[in-house]
Amino acid sequence: SMVEEDKSDSCEECHKFRIDVVIKNFEASSEYHEEDVDLAYFIGAYEELNKFIGLLGRIFHFVQADVREKTNKLLDLREKDPNSYRSVKSMVTFENQQQNYPGSKALLGLHR
């Protein structure tokens, strides 16, 4: 769909950061859950923010890798158990019952 004018900026095009995508995702994440956050949109917002972190240069690559690791962990958990990992509240409730907190740890890691 994208017309490549110049090879040098084609990669920059595919990583273009869009703040509106971040805002829409964060807004949508709390739209249907009173005092709760939808994990799918929340992860989407962080994945988009991570594109921005990537634009900050080499020195931030470890930050970008760290964020990607956490979002991938949450995506993985959601895939295996979509119901328990539907929202932050359902995740915390579920992980408390299991006495195992992989999602909560990943989420806290994103907020550092």
C-alpha atoms as a PDB file:
ATOM      1  CA  SER A   1       0.000   0.000   0.000  1.00  0.00           C
ATOM      2  CA  MET A   2       2.937   2.325   0.658  1.00  0.00           C
ATOM      3  CA  VAL A   3       4.793   3.843  -2.272  1.00  0.00           C
ATOM      4  CA  GLU A   4       8.520   3.684  -1.723  1.00  0.00           C
ATOM      5  CA  GLU A   5      10.085   6.874  -3.028  1.00  0.00           C
ATOM      6  CA  ASP A   6      13.500   6.368  -1.541  1.00  0.00           C
ATOM      7  CA  LYS A   7      15.093   3.280  -0.018  1.00  0.00           C
ATOM      8  CA  SER A   8      16.795   5.285   2.738  1.00  0.00           C
ATOM      9  CA  ASP A   9      13.609   6.499   4.396  1.00  0.00           C
ATOM     10  CA  SER A  10      11.466   3.434   3.699  1.00  0.00           C
ATOM     11  CA  CYS A  11      12.322   1.874   7.046  1.00  0.00           C
ATOM     12  CA  GLU A  12      11.582   5.094   8.877  1.00  0.00           C
ATOM     13  CA  GLU A  13       8.181   5.081   7.167  1.00  0.00           C
ATOM     14  CA  CYS A  14       7.307   1.615   8.451  1.00  0.00           C
ATOM     15  CA  HIS A  15       8.269   2.580  12.001  1.00  0.00           C
ATOM     16  CA  LYS A  16       6.495   5.918  11.952  1.00  0.00           C
ATOM     17  CA  PHE A  17       5.307   6.748  15.428  1.00  0.00           C
ATOM     18  CA  ARG A  18       1.769   8.069  15.800  1.00  0.00           C
ATOM     19  CA  ILE A  19       0.810   9.740  19.064  1.00  0.00           C
ATOM     20  CA  ASP A  20      -2.866   9.590  18.058  1.00  0.00           C
ATOM     21  CA  VAL A  21      -2.649   5.789  18.031  1.00  0.00           C
ATOM     22  CA  VAL A  22      -1.260   5.858  21.576  1.00  0.00           C
ATOM     23  CA  ILE A  23      -4.003   8.209  22.775  1.00  0.00           C
ATOM     24  CA  LYS A  24      -6.793   6.238  21.056  1.00  0.00           C
ATOM     25  CA  ASN A  25      -5.513   3.003  22.580  1.00  0.00           C
ATOM     26  CA  PHE A  26      -5.210   4.444  26.080  1.00  0.00           C
ATOM     27  CA  GLU A  27      -8.689   5.996  25.815  1.00  0.00           C
ATOM     28  CA  ALA A  28     -10.219   2.777  24.492  1.00  0.00           C
ATOM     29  CA  SER A  29      -8.468   0.745  27.182  1.00  0.00           C
ATOM     30  CA  SER A  30     -10.591   2.328  29.904  1.00  0.00           C
ATOM     31  CA  GLU A  31     -13.731   3.072  27.886  1.00  0.00           C
ATOM     32  CA  TYR A  32     -15.777  -0.027  28.682  1.00  0.00           C
ATOM     33  CA  HIS A  33     -14.331  -0.883  32.064  1.00  0.00           C
ATOM     34  CA  GLU A  34     -15.193   1.314  34.979  1.00  0.00           C
ATOM     35  CA  GLU A  35     -12.019   1.620  37.031  1.00  0.00           C
ATOM     36  CA  ASP A  36     -10.449  -1.075  34.899  1.00  0.00           C
ATOM     37  CA  VAL A  37      -8.214  -1.253  31.839  1.00  0.00           C
ATOM     38  CA  ASP A  38      -8.636  -3.426  28.750  1.00  0.00           C
ATOM     39  CA  LEU A  39      -5.326  -5.223  28.243  1.00  0.00           C
ATOM     40  CA  ALA A  40      -5.488  -5.461  24.438  1.00  0.00           C
ATOM     41  CA  TYR A  41      -5.685  -1.686  23.999  1.00  0.00           C
ATOM     42  CA  PHE A  42      -3.211  -1.092  26.793  1.00  0.00           C
ATOM     43  CA  ILE A  43      -0.658  -3.340  25.080  1.00  0.00           C
ATOM     44  CA  GLY A  44      -1.404  -1.610  21.764  1.00  0.00           C
ATOM     45  CA  ALA A  45      -0.621   1.761  23.292  1.00  0.00           C
ATOM     46  CA  TYR A  46       2.717   0.536  24.626  1.00  0.00           C
ATOM     47  CA  GLU A  47       3.631  -1.099  21.308  1.00  0.00           C
ATOM     48  CA  GLU A  48       3.042   2.243  19.595  1.00  0.00           C
ATOM     49  CA  LEU A  49       4.981   4.133  22.297  1.00  0.00           C
ATOM     50  CA  ASN A  50       7.814   1.696  21.730  1.00  0.00           C
ATOM     51  CA  LYS A  51       8.146   2.925  18.133  1.00  0.00           C
ATOM     52  CA  PHE A  52       8.832   6.368  19.570  1.00  0.00           C
ATOM     53  CA  ILE A  53      11.428   4.962  21.963  1.00  0.00           C
ATOM     54  CA  GLY A  54      13.064   3.382  18.910  1.00  0.00           C
ATOM     55  CA  LEU A  55      13.309   6.791  17.257  1.00  0.00           C
ATOM     56  CA  LEU A  56      15.297   8.170  20.201  1.00  0.00           C
ATOM     57  CA  GLY A  57      18.404   6.392  18.985  1.00  0.00           C
ATOM     58  CA  ARG A  58      20.776   3.591  19.834  1.00  0.00           C
ATOM     59  CA  ILE A  59      21.162   4.515  23.478  1.00  0.00           C
ATOM     60  CA  PHE A  60      17.487   3.655  24.046  1.00  0.00           C
ATOM     61  CA  HIS A  61      17.564   0.279  22.311  1.00  0.00           C
ATOM     62  CA  PHE A  62      17.795  -1.595  25.611  1.00  0.00           C
ATOM     63  CA  VAL A  63      14.683   0.271  26.815  1.00  0.00           C
ATOM     64  CA  GLN A  64      12.898  -0.661  23.601  1.00  0.00           C
ATOM     65  CA  ALA A  65      13.903  -4.310  24.006  1.00  0.00           C
ATOM     66  CA  ASP A  66      12.691  -4.273  27.611  1.00  0.00           C
ATOM     67  CA  VAL A  67       9.293  -2.820  26.668  1.00  0.00           C
ATOM     68  CA  ARG A  68       8.958  -5.335  23.823  1.00  0.00           C
ATOM     69  CA  GLU A  69       9.747  -8.189  26.218  1.00  0.00           C
ATOM     70  CA  LYS A  70       7.002  -7.041  28.620  1.00  0.00           C
ATOM     71  CA  THR A  71       4.357  -6.450  25.934  1.00  0.00           C
ATOM     72  CA  ASN A  72       5.157  -9.815  24.335  1.00  0.00           C
ATOM     73  CA  LYS A  73       4.787 -11.502  27.729  1.00  0.00           C
ATOM     74  CA  LEU A  74       1.340  -9.932  28.177  1.00  0.00           C
ATOM     75  CA  LEU A  75       0.312 -10.845  24.612  1.00  0.00           C
ATOM     76  CA  ASP A  76       1.457 -14.403  25.235  1.00  0.00           C
ATOM     77  CA  LEU A  77      -0.567 -14.687  28.453  1.00  0.00           C
ATOM     78  CA  ARG A  78      -3.624 -13.191  26.738  1.00  0.00           C
ATOM     79  CA  GLU A  79      -3.350 -15.686  23.906  1.00  0.00           C
ATOM     80  CA  LYS A  80      -3.210 -18.664  26.278  1.00  0.00           C
ATOM     81  CA  ASP A  81      -6.031 -17.435  28.524  1.00  0.00           C
ATOM     82  CA  PRO A  82      -8.039 -14.602  26.917  1.00  0.00           C
ATOM     83  CA  ASN A  83     -10.654 -14.559  29.675  1.00  0.00           C
ATOM     84  CA  SER A  84      -8.312 -14.199  32.640  1.00  0.00           C
ATOM     85  CA  TYR A  85      -6.198 -11.638  30.785  1.00  0.00           C
ATOM     86  CA  ARG A  86      -9.065  -9.577  29.363  1.00  0.00           C
ATOM     87  CA  SER A  87      -8.365  -6.620  31.638  1.00  0.00           C
ATOM     88  CA  VAL A  88      -6.014  -5.521  34.396  1.00  0.00           C
ATOM     89  CA  LYS A  89      -8.606  -6.320  37.061  1.00  0.00           C
ATOM     90  CA  SER A  90      -9.336  -9.821  35.729  1.00  0.00           C
ATOM     91  CA  MET A  91      -5.594 -10.482  35.441  1.00  0.00           C
ATOM     92  CA  VAL A  92      -4.862  -9.414  39.026  1.00  0.00           C
ATOM     93  CA  THR A  93      -7.796 -11.447  40.367  1.00  0.00           C
ATOM     94  CA  PHE A  94      -6.699 -14.520  38.403  1.00  0.00           C
ATOM     95  CA  GLU A  95      -3.020 -14.223  39.336  1.00  0.00           C
ATOM     96  CA  ASN A  96      -3.879 -13.747  43.003  1.00  0.00           C
ATOM     97  CA  GLN A  97      -5.840 -17.002  42.932  1.00  0.00           C
ATOM     98  CA  GLN A  98      -2.933 -18.762  41.215  1.00  0.00           C
ATOM     99  CA  GLN A  99      -0.349 -17.167  43.541  1.00  0.00           C
ATOM    100  CA  ASN A 100       1.665 -16.587  40.369  1.00  0.00           C
ATOM    101  CA  TYR A 101       2.149 -13.108  38.925  1.00  0.00           C
ATOM    102  CA  PRO A 102       3.768 -13.088  35.462  1.00  0.00           C
ATOM    103  CA  GLY A 103       1.321 -10.566  33.990  1.00  0.00           C
ATOM    104  CA  SER A 104       1.368  -8.255  36.994  1.00  0.00           C
ATOM    105  CA  LYS A 105       5.168  -8.231  36.983  1.00  0.00           C
ATOM    106  CA  ALA A 106       5.248  -7.445  33.258  1.00  0.00           C
ATOM    107  CA  LEU A 107       2.701  -4.666  33.748  1.00  0.00           C
ATOM    108  CA  LEU A 108       4.646  -3.135  36.647  1.00  0.00           C
ATOM    109  CA  GLY A 109       7.776  -3.340  34.520  1.00  0.00           C
ATOM    110  CA  LEU A 110       6.135  -1.211  31.838  1.00  0.00           C
ATOM    111  CA  HIS A 111       5.377   1.515  34.371  1.00  0.00           C
ATOM    112  CA  ARG A 112       8.948   1.926  35.586  1.00  0.00           C
END
